[in-house]
C-alpha atoms as a PDB file:
ATOM      1  CA  UNK A   1     -44.156   4.179  17.651  1.00  0.00           C
ATOM      2  CA  UNK A   2     -42.642   7.623  17.097  1.00  0.00           C
ATOM      3  CA  UNK A   3     -39.884   8.345  14.596  1.00  0.00           C
ATOM      4  CA  UNK A   4     -37.054   8.308  17.146  1.00  0.00           C
ATOM      5  CA  UNK A   5     -38.006   4.884  18.433  1.00  0.00           C
ATOM      6  CA  UNK A   6     -38.387   3.603  14.893  1.00  0.00           C
ATOM      7  CA  UNK A   7     -34.887   4.965  14.311  1.00  0.00           C
ATOM      8  CA  UNK A   8     -33.715   3.178  17.465  1.00  0.00           C
ATOM      9  CA  UNK A   9     -35.042  -0.122  16.133  1.00  0.00           C
ATOM     10  CA  UNK A  10     -33.353   0.576  12.811  1.00  0.00           C
ATOM     11  CA  UNK A  11     -30.099   1.307  14.614  1.00  0.00           C
ATOM     12  CA  UNK A  12     -30.128  -2.109  16.283  1.00  0.00           C
ATOM     13  CA  UNK A  13     -30.533  -3.796  12.907  1.00  0.00           C
ATOM     14  CA  UNK A  14     -27.955  -1.497  11.292  1.00  0.00           C
ATOM     15  CA  UNK A  15     -25.390  -2.165  14.042  1.00  0.00           C
ATOM     16  CA  UNK A  16     -25.931  -5.920  13.699  1.00  0.00           C
ATOM     17  CA  UNK A  17     -25.204  -5.673   9.963  1.00  0.00           C
ATOM     18  CA  UNK A  18     -22.136  -3.485  10.605  1.00  0.00           C
ATOM     19  CA  UNK A  19     -20.861  -5.988  13.144  1.00  0.00           C
ATOM     20  CA  UNK A  20     -21.157  -8.803  10.613  1.00  0.00           C
ATOM     21  CA  UNK A  21     -19.450  -6.696   7.929  1.00  0.00           C
ATOM     22  CA  UNK A  22     -16.583  -5.917  10.322  1.00  0.00           C
ATOM     23  CA  UNK A  23     -16.353  -9.605  11.185  1.00  0.00           C
ATOM     24  CA  UNK A  24     -15.859 -10.389   7.500  1.00  0.00           C
ATOM     25  CA  UNK A  25     -13.208  -7.688   7.129  1.00  0.00           C
ATOM     26  CA  UNK A  26     -11.348  -8.791  10.259  1.00  0.00           C
ATOM     27  CA  UNK A  27     -11.509 -12.467   9.451  1.00  0.00           C
ATOM     28  CA  UNK A  28      -8.194 -14.208  10.332  1.00  0.00           C
ATOM     29  CA  UNK A  29      -8.290 -15.843   6.908  1.00  0.00           C
ATOM     30  CA  UNK A  30      -8.688 -12.452   5.227  1.00  0.00           C
ATOM     31  CA  UNK A  31      -5.843 -10.994   7.288  1.00  0.00           C
ATOM     32  CA  UNK A  32      -3.538 -13.848   6.295  1.00  0.00           C
ATOM     33  CA  UNK A  33      -4.656 -13.447   2.700  1.00  0.00           C
ATOM     34  CA  UNK A  34      -3.816  -9.751   2.807  1.00  0.00           C
ATOM     35  CA  UNK A  35      -0.453 -10.543   4.389  1.00  0.00           C
ATOM     36  CA  UNK A  36       0.482 -12.984   1.598  1.00  0.00           C
ATOM     37  CA  UNK A  37      -0.797 -10.601  -1.070  1.00  0.00           C
ATOM     38  CA  UNK A  38       1.261  -7.709   0.295  1.00  0.00           C
ATOM     39  CA  UNK A  39       4.333  -9.924   0.624  1.00  0.00           C
ATOM     40  CA  UNK A  40       3.922 -11.146  -2.943  1.00  0.00           C
ATOM     41  CA  UNK A  41       3.643  -7.552  -4.174  1.00  0.00           C
ATOM     42  CA  UNK A  42       6.793  -6.640  -2.224  1.00  0.00           C
ATOM     43  CA  UNK A  43       8.682  -9.455  -3.945  1.00  0.00           C
ATOM     44  CA  UNK A  44       7.292  -8.402  -7.314  1.00  0.00           C
ATOM     45  CA  UNK A  45       8.494  -4.846  -6.697  1.00  0.00           C
ATOM     46  CA  UNK A  46      11.895  -6.157  -5.593  1.00  0.00           C
ATOM     47  CA  UNK A  47      12.136  -8.249  -8.759  1.00  0.00           C
ATOM     48  CA  UNK A  48      11.302  -5.246 -10.939  1.00  0.00           C
ATOM     49  CA  UNK A  49      13.915  -3.173  -9.097  1.00  0.00           C
ATOM     50  CA  UNK A  50      16.568  -5.847  -9.699  1.00  0.00           C
ATOM     51  CA  UNK A  51      15.606  -6.101 -13.366  1.00  0.00           C
ATOM     52  CA  UNK A  52      15.982  -2.332 -13.733  1.00  0.00           C
ATOM     53  CA  UNK A  53      19.352  -2.418 -11.975  1.00  0.00           C
ATOM     54  CA  UNK A  54      20.583  -5.232 -14.225  1.00  0.00           C
ATOM     55  CA  UNK A  55      19.314  -3.403 -17.326  1.00  0.00           C
ATOM     56  CA  UNK A  56      21.243  -0.298 -16.228  1.00  0.00           C
ATOM     57  CA  UNK A  57      24.333  -2.459 -15.693  1.00  0.00           C
ATOM     58  CA  UNK A  58      24.026  -3.932 -19.171  1.00  0.00           C
ATOM     59  CA  UNK A  59      23.691  -0.458 -20.669  1.00  0.00           C
ATOM     60  CA  UNK A  60      26.794   0.641 -18.794  1.00  0.00           C
ATOM     61  CA  UNK A  61      28.595  -2.519 -19.904  1.00  0.00           C
ATOM     62  CA  UNK A  62      27.898  -1.725 -23.548  1.00  0.00           C
ATOM     63  CA  UNK A  63      29.065   1.858 -23.031  1.00  0.00           C
ATOM     64  CA  UNK A  64      32.288   0.600 -21.438  1.00  0.00           C
ATOM     65  CA  UNK A  65      32.901  -1.796 -24.310  1.00  0.00           C
ATOM     66  CA  UNK A  66      32.530   1.101 -26.745  1.00  0.00           C
ATOM     67  CA  UNK A  67      34.889   3.199 -24.612  1.00  0.00           C
ATOM     68  CA  UNK A  68      37.443   0.369 -24.579  1.00  0.00           C
ATOM     69  CA  UNK A  69      37.276   0.013 -28.362  1.00  0.00           C
ATOM     70  CA  UNK A  70      37.720   3.762 -28.820  1.00  0.00           C
ATOM     71  CA  UNK A  71      40.578   3.990 -26.309  1.00  0.00           C
ATOM     72  CA  UNK A  72      42.252   0.915 -27.773  1.00  0.00           C
ATOM     73  CA  UNK A  73      42.059   2.492 -31.218  1.00  0.00           C
ATOM     74  CA  UNK A  74      43.570   5.703 -29.856  1.00  0.00           C
ATOM     75  CA  UNK A  75      46.392   3.764 -28.214  1.00  0.00           C
ATOM     76  CA  UNK A  76      47.186   1.817 -31.378  1.00  0.00           C
ATOM     77  CA  UNK A  77      47.023   5.022 -33.412  1.00  0.00           C
ATOM     78  CA  UNK A  78      49.522   6.634 -31.042  1.00  0.00           C
ATOM     79  CA  UNK A  79      51.819   3.625 -31.235  1.00  0.00           C
ATOM     80  CA  UNK A  80      51.659   3.691 -35.025  1.00  0.00           C
ATOM     81  CA  UNK A  81      52.405   7.414 -35.014  1.00  0.00           C
ATOM     82  CA  UNK A  82      55.448   6.896 -32.781  1.00  0.00           C
ATOM     83  CA  UNK A  83      56.733   4.046 -34.968  1.00  0.00           C
ATOM     84  CA  UNK A  84      56.219   6.030 -38.158  1.00  0.00           C
ATOM     85  CA  UNK A  85      57.633   9.309 -36.929  1.00  0.00           C
ATOM     86  CA  UNK A  86      59.719   9.387 -33.786  1.00  0.00           C
ATOM     87  CA  UNK A  87      59.213  12.510 -31.657  1.00  0.00           C
ATOM     88  CA  UNK A  88      61.611  15.301 -32.506  1.00  0.00           C
ATOM     89  CA  UNK A  89      62.366  16.409 -28.944  1.00  0.00           C
ATOM     90  CA  UNK A  90      62.053  15.434 -25.292  1.00  0.00           C
ATOM     91  CA  UNK A  91      58.877  17.425 -24.720  1.00  0.00           C
ATOM     92  CA  UNK A  92      57.089  15.720 -27.600  1.00  0.00           C
ATOM     93  CA  UNK A  93      58.264  12.349 -26.286  1.00  0.00           C
ATOM     94  CA  UNK A  94      56.909  13.151 -22.828  1.00  0.00           C
ATOM     95  CA  UNK A  95      53.605  14.238 -24.343  1.00  0.00           C
ATOM     96  CA  UNK A  96      53.214  11.007 -26.294  1.00  0.00           C
ATOM     97  CA  UNK A  97      54.235   8.845 -23.321  1.00  0.00           C
ATOM     98  CA  UNK A  98      51.764  10.760 -21.159  1.00  0.00           C
ATOM     99  CA  UNK A  99      48.998  10.102 -23.682  1.00  0.00           C
ATOM    100  CA  UNK A 100      49.948   6.441 -23.827  1.00  0.00           C
ATOM    101  CA  UNK A 101      49.863   6.114 -20.020  1.00  0.00           C
ATOM    102  CA  UNK A 102      46.509   7.909 -19.898  1.00  0.00           C
ATOM    103  CA  UNK A 103      45.028   5.608 -22.537  1.00  0.00           C
ATOM    104  CA  UNK A 104      46.337   2.546 -20.703  1.00  0.00           C
ATOM    105  CA  UNK A 105      45.074   3.845 -17.355  1.00  0.00           C
ATOM    106  CA  UNK A 106      41.641   4.381 -18.861  1.00  0.00           C
ATOM    107  CA  UNK A 107      41.658   0.858 -20.294  1.00  0.00           C
ATOM    108  CA  UNK A 108      42.571  -0.588 -16.895  1.00  0.00           C
ATOM    109  CA  UNK A 109      39.810   1.435 -15.202  1.00  0.00           C
ATOM    110  CA  UNK A 110      37.255   0.323 -17.799  1.00  0.00           C
ATOM    111  CA  UNK A 111      38.251  -3.319 -17.394  1.00  0.00           C
ATOM    112  CA  UNK A 112      38.034  -3.072 -13.595  1.00  0.00           C
ATOM    113  CA  UNK A 113      34.585  -1.531 -13.845  1.00  0.00           C
ATOM    114  CA  UNK A 114      33.454  -4.261 -16.251  1.00  0.00           C
ATOM    115  CA  UNK A 115      34.743  -6.877 -13.825  1.00  0.00           C
ATOM    116  CA  UNK A 116      32.798  -5.257 -10.973  1.00  0.00           C
ATOM    117  CA  UNK A 117      29.630  -4.978 -13.071  1.00  0.00           C
ATOM    118  CA  UNK A 118      29.783  -8.668 -13.963  1.00  0.00           C
ATOM    119  CA  UNK A 119      30.201  -9.544 -10.286  1.00  0.00           C
ATOM    120  CA  UNK A 120      27.286  -7.273  -9.312  1.00  0.00           C
ATOM    121  CA  UNK A 121      25.140  -8.734 -12.113  1.00  0.00           C
ATOM    122  CA  UNK A 122      25.878 -12.261 -10.836  1.00  0.00           C
ATOM    123  CA  UNK A 123      24.886 -11.171  -7.327  1.00  0.00           C
ATOM    124  CA  UNK A 124      21.680  -9.647  -8.669  1.00  0.00           C
ATOM    125  CA  UNK A 125      20.910 -12.888 -10.488  1.00  0.00           C
ATOM    126  CA  UNK A 126      21.142 -14.788  -7.192  1.00  0.00           C
ATOM    127  CA  UNK A 127      18.991 -12.184  -5.458  1.00  0.00           C
ATOM    128  CA  UNK A 128      16.425 -12.376  -8.233  1.00  0.00           C
ATOM    129  CA  UNK A 129      16.268 -16.158  -7.947  1.00  0.00           C
ATOM    130  CA  UNK A 130      15.632 -15.885  -4.199  1.00  0.00           C
ATOM    131  CA  UNK A 131      12.975 -13.209  -4.780  1.00  0.00           C
ATOM    132  CA  UNK A 132      11.193 -15.323  -7.385  1.00  0.00           C
ATOM    133  CA  UNK A 133      11.213 -18.353  -5.079  1.00  0.00           C
ATOM    134  CA  UNK A 134       9.754 -16.317  -2.207  1.00  0.00           C
ATOM    135  CA  UNK A 135       7.160 -14.791  -4.531  1.00  0.00           C
ATOM    136  CA  UNK A 136       6.155 -18.219  -5.845  1.00  0.00           C
ATOM    137  CA  UNK A 137       5.780 -19.558  -2.310  1.00  0.00           C
ATOM    138  CA  UNK A 138       3.672 -16.558  -1.256  1.00  0.00           C
ATOM    139  CA  UNK A 139       1.506 -16.919  -4.380  1.00  0.00           C
ATOM    140  CA  UNK A 140       0.958 -20.599  -3.619  1.00  0.00           C
ATOM    141  CA  UNK A 141      -0.128 -19.859  -0.042  1.00  0.00           C
ATOM    142  CA  UNK A 142      -2.330 -17.007  -1.291  1.00  0.00           C
ATOM    143  CA  UNK A 143      -4.088 -19.236  -3.819  1.00  0.00           C
ATOM    144  CA  UNK A 144      -4.817 -21.918  -1.177  1.00  0.00           C
ATOM    145  CA  UNK A 145      -6.172 -19.379   1.295  1.00  0.00           C
ATOM    146  CA  UNK A 146      -8.195 -17.643  -1.413  1.00  0.00           C
ATOM    147  CA  UNK A 147     -10.281 -20.774  -1.908  1.00  0.00           C
ATOM    148  CA  UNK A 148     -11.025 -20.940   1.826  1.00  0.00           C
ATOM    149  CA  UNK A 149     -11.749 -17.231   2.082  1.00  0.00           C
ATOM    150  CA  UNK A 150     -14.072 -17.195  -0.927  1.00  0.00           C
ATOM    151  CA  UNK A 151     -16.159 -19.940   0.664  1.00  0.00           C
ATOM    152  CA  UNK A 152     -16.114 -18.182   4.030  1.00  0.00           C
ATOM    153  CA  UNK A 153     -17.014 -14.821   2.481  1.00  0.00           C
ATOM    154  CA  UNK A 154     -19.825 -16.413   0.483  1.00  0.00           C
ATOM    155  CA  UNK A 155     -21.424 -17.890   3.597  1.00  0.00           C
ATOM    156  CA  UNK A 156     -21.021 -14.761   5.717  1.00  0.00           C
ATOM    157  CA  UNK A 157     -22.058 -12.636   2.769  1.00  0.00           C
ATOM    158  CA  UNK A 158     -25.430 -14.321   2.769  1.00  0.00           C
ATOM    159  CA  UNK A 159     -25.825 -13.521   6.465  1.00  0.00           C
ATOM    160  CA  UNK A 160     -24.786  -9.925   5.847  1.00  0.00           C
ATOM    161  CA  UNK A 161     -27.276  -9.563   2.993  1.00  0.00           C
ATOM    162  CA  UNK A 162     -30.043 -10.844   5.262  1.00  0.00           C
ATOM    163  CA  UNK A 163     -29.081  -8.407   8.011  1.00  0.00           C
ATOM    164  CA  UNK A 164     -28.928  -5.486   5.578  1.00  0.00           C
ATOM    165  CA  UNK A 165     -32.309  -6.463   4.174  1.00  0.00           C
ATOM    166  CA  UNK A 166     -33.767  -6.535   7.698  1.00  0.00           C
ATOM    167  CA  UNK A 167     -32.299  -3.076   8.383  1.00  0.00           C
ATOM    168  CA  UNK A 168     -33.682  -1.727   5.102  1.00  0.00           C
ATOM    169  CA  UNK A 169     -37.119  -3.029   6.045  1.00  0.00           C
ATOM    170  CA  UNK A 170     -36.983  -1.186   9.375  1.00  0.00           C
ATOM    171  CA  UNK A 171     -35.907   1.985   7.567  1.00  0.00           C
ATOM    172  CA  UNK A 172     -39.022   2.123   5.372  1.00  0.00           C
ATOM    173  CA  UNK A 173     -41.375   3.873   7.849  1.00  0.00           C
ATOM    174  CA  UNK A 174     -38.702   6.376   8.919  1.00  0.00           C
ATOM    175  CA  UNK A 175     -38.936   9.858   7.469  1.00  0.00           C
ATOM    176  CA  UNK A 176     -36.001  10.967   5.251  1.00  0.00           C
ATOM    177  CA  UNK A 177     -35.112  13.811   7.633  1.00  0.00           C
ATOM    178  CA  UNK A 178     -34.440  11.344  10.452  1.00  0.00           C
ATOM    179  CA  UNK A 179     -32.461   8.958   8.261  1.00  0.00           C
ATOM    180  CA  UNK A 180     -30.328  11.796   6.959  1.00  0.00           C
ATOM    181  CA  UNK A 181     -29.639  12.942  10.534  1.00  0.00           C
ATOM    182  CA  UNK A 182     -28.751   9.373  11.513  1.00  0.00           C
ATOM    183  CA  UNK A 183     -26.296   8.931   8.629  1.00  0.00           C
ATOM    184  CA  UNK A 184     -24.661  12.294   9.263  1.00  0.00           C
ATOM    185  CA  UNK A 185     -24.088  11.552  12.961  1.00  0.00           C
ATOM    186  CA  UNK A 186     -22.820   8.054  12.134  1.00  0.00           C
ATOM    187  CA  UNK A 187     -19.894   9.617  10.287  1.00  0.00           C
ATOM    188  CA  UNK A 188     -18.410  10.693  13.632  1.00  0.00           C
ATOM    189  CA  UNK A 189     -20.264   8.760  16.343  1.00  0.00           C
ATOM    190  CA  UNK A 190     -21.200   5.079  16.333  1.00  0.00           C
ATOM    191  CA  UNK A 191     -23.863   4.212  17.240  1.00  0.00           C
ATOM    192  CA  UNK A 192     -25.551   7.491  16.271  1.00  0.00           C
ATOM    193  CA  UNK A 193     -28.351   7.265  18.858  1.00  0.00           C
ATOM    194  CA  UNK A 194     -27.904   7.144  22.626  1.00  0.00           C
ATOM    195  CA  UNK A 195     -30.398   6.718  25.458  1.00  0.00           C
ATOM    196  CA  UNK A 196     -30.686   9.615  27.873  1.00  0.00           C
ATOM    197  CA  UNK A 197     -30.673   8.218  31.422  1.00  0.00           C
ATOM    198  CA  UNK A 198     -31.831  11.057  33.634  1.00  0.00           C
ATOM    199  CA  UNK A 199     -29.413  13.820  32.699  1.00  0.00           C
ATOM    200  CA  UNK A 200     -26.652  11.491  31.491  1.00  0.00           C
ATOM    201  CA  UNK A 201     -25.868  10.515  27.882  1.00  0.00           C
ATOM    202  CA  UNK A 202     -25.760   6.760  27.498  1.00  0.00           C
ATOM    203  CA  UNK A 203     -23.251   7.103  24.668  1.00  0.00           C
ATOM    204  CA  UNK A 204     -20.423   9.068  26.297  1.00  0.00           C
ATOM    205  CA  UNK A 205     -21.665   8.938  29.948  1.00  0.00           C
ATOM    206  CA  UNK A 206     -21.361  12.719  30.298  1.00  0.00           C
ATOM    207  CA  UNK A 207     -23.856  14.688  32.405  1.00  0.00           C
ATOM    208  CA  UNK A 208     -26.001  17.170  30.514  1.00  0.00           C
ATOM    209  CA  UNK A 209     -28.086  20.174  31.615  1.00  0.00           C
ATOM    210  CA  UNK A 210     -31.577  19.309  32.869  1.00  0.00           C
ATOM    211  CA  UNK A 211     -32.974  21.415  30.053  1.00  0.00           C
ATOM    212  CA  UNK A 212     -31.771  18.770  27.603  1.00  0.00           C
ATOM    213  CA  UNK A 213     -34.087  16.169  29.115  1.00  0.00           C
ATOM    214  CA  UNK A 214     -37.054  18.550  28.835  1.00  0.00           C
ATOM    215  CA  UNK A 215     -36.264  19.234  25.171  1.00  0.00           C
ATOM    216  CA  UNK A 216     -36.020  15.499  24.405  1.00  0.00           C
ATOM    217  CA  UNK A 217     -39.321  14.828  26.201  1.00  0.00           C
ATOM    218  CA  UNK A 218     -40.976  17.521  24.132  1.00  0.00           C
ATOM    219  CA  UNK A 219     -40.113  15.584  20.984  1.00  0.00           C
ATOM    220  CA  UNK A 220     -37.324  17.880  19.825  1.00  0.00           C
ATOM    221  CA  UNK A 221     -34.349  16.346  18.029  1.00  0.00           C
ATOM    222  CA  UNK A 222     -31.483  16.927  20.455  1.00  0.00           C
ATOM    223  CA  UNK A 223     -27.858  15.923  20.117  1.00  0.00           C
ATOM    224  CA  UNK A 224     -25.502  15.337  23.027  1.00  0.00           C
ATOM    225  CA  UNK A 225     -23.365  18.418  23.590  1.00  0.00           C
ATOM    226  CA  UNK A 226     -20.301  16.193  24.114  1.00  0.00           C
ATOM    227  CA  UNK A 227     -20.416  13.304  21.645  1.00  0.00           C
ATOM    228  CA  UNK A 228     -22.995  14.601  19.171  1.00  0.00           C
ATOM    229  CA  UNK A 229     -25.261  11.527  19.378  1.00  0.00           C
ATOM    230  CA  UNK A 230     -28.965  11.920  18.901  1.00  0.00           C
ATOM    231  CA  UNK A 231     -30.621  11.482  22.284  1.00  0.00           C
ATOM    232  CA  UNK A 232     -33.648   9.283  22.916  1.00  0.00           C
ATOM    233  CA  UNK A 233     -35.582   8.528  26.113  1.00  0.00           C
ATOM    234  CA  UNK A 234     -35.611   4.963  27.472  1.00  0.00           C
END
């Protein structure tokens, strides 16, 4: 048997192994497993985002408390100053009253912001609880499916190993040049070899010049001008 036909026999074994490998990857159990894993990771990311938001809120809350203490001190200092030394004229009185109103306005704004932060933090706490519950449920489903998938993958893995071993055995008498050509073509065309029926490529069904058939018959390595597959006679 010539090298091309040995390669053809190898291709059949290689395609059988690829088919089994794809079957494992496309397993409904694996797809569900991936779905639960991705969903769990989404909930984990959401939980981290909420935690960061709450942490930022707590930092802002502390900053507001400091601002309130400082503003309150300024207001009391102003009141003490007014009580100790009444303003000498109307302009000074207006200035002090303006400062007092500004301090009080700031205090009101700080207190309103604190109130809103506490409300938002309570909302985030509820959201986080929901996220954790969804994550726990997804993790539970993932763990149950993982047991089934591991068993399924183990059984199919044995079949895949046997198919790969059979393909490797068929590859032994094939010269490295042919195997390298096969692997290179497989990167863009699967399967890499196609039968030439008359002047038509069996891979892409495109008609080729009659000279192609003569070159293939002469033993030359010829690739289809359209799909790039290595051509072999029936």
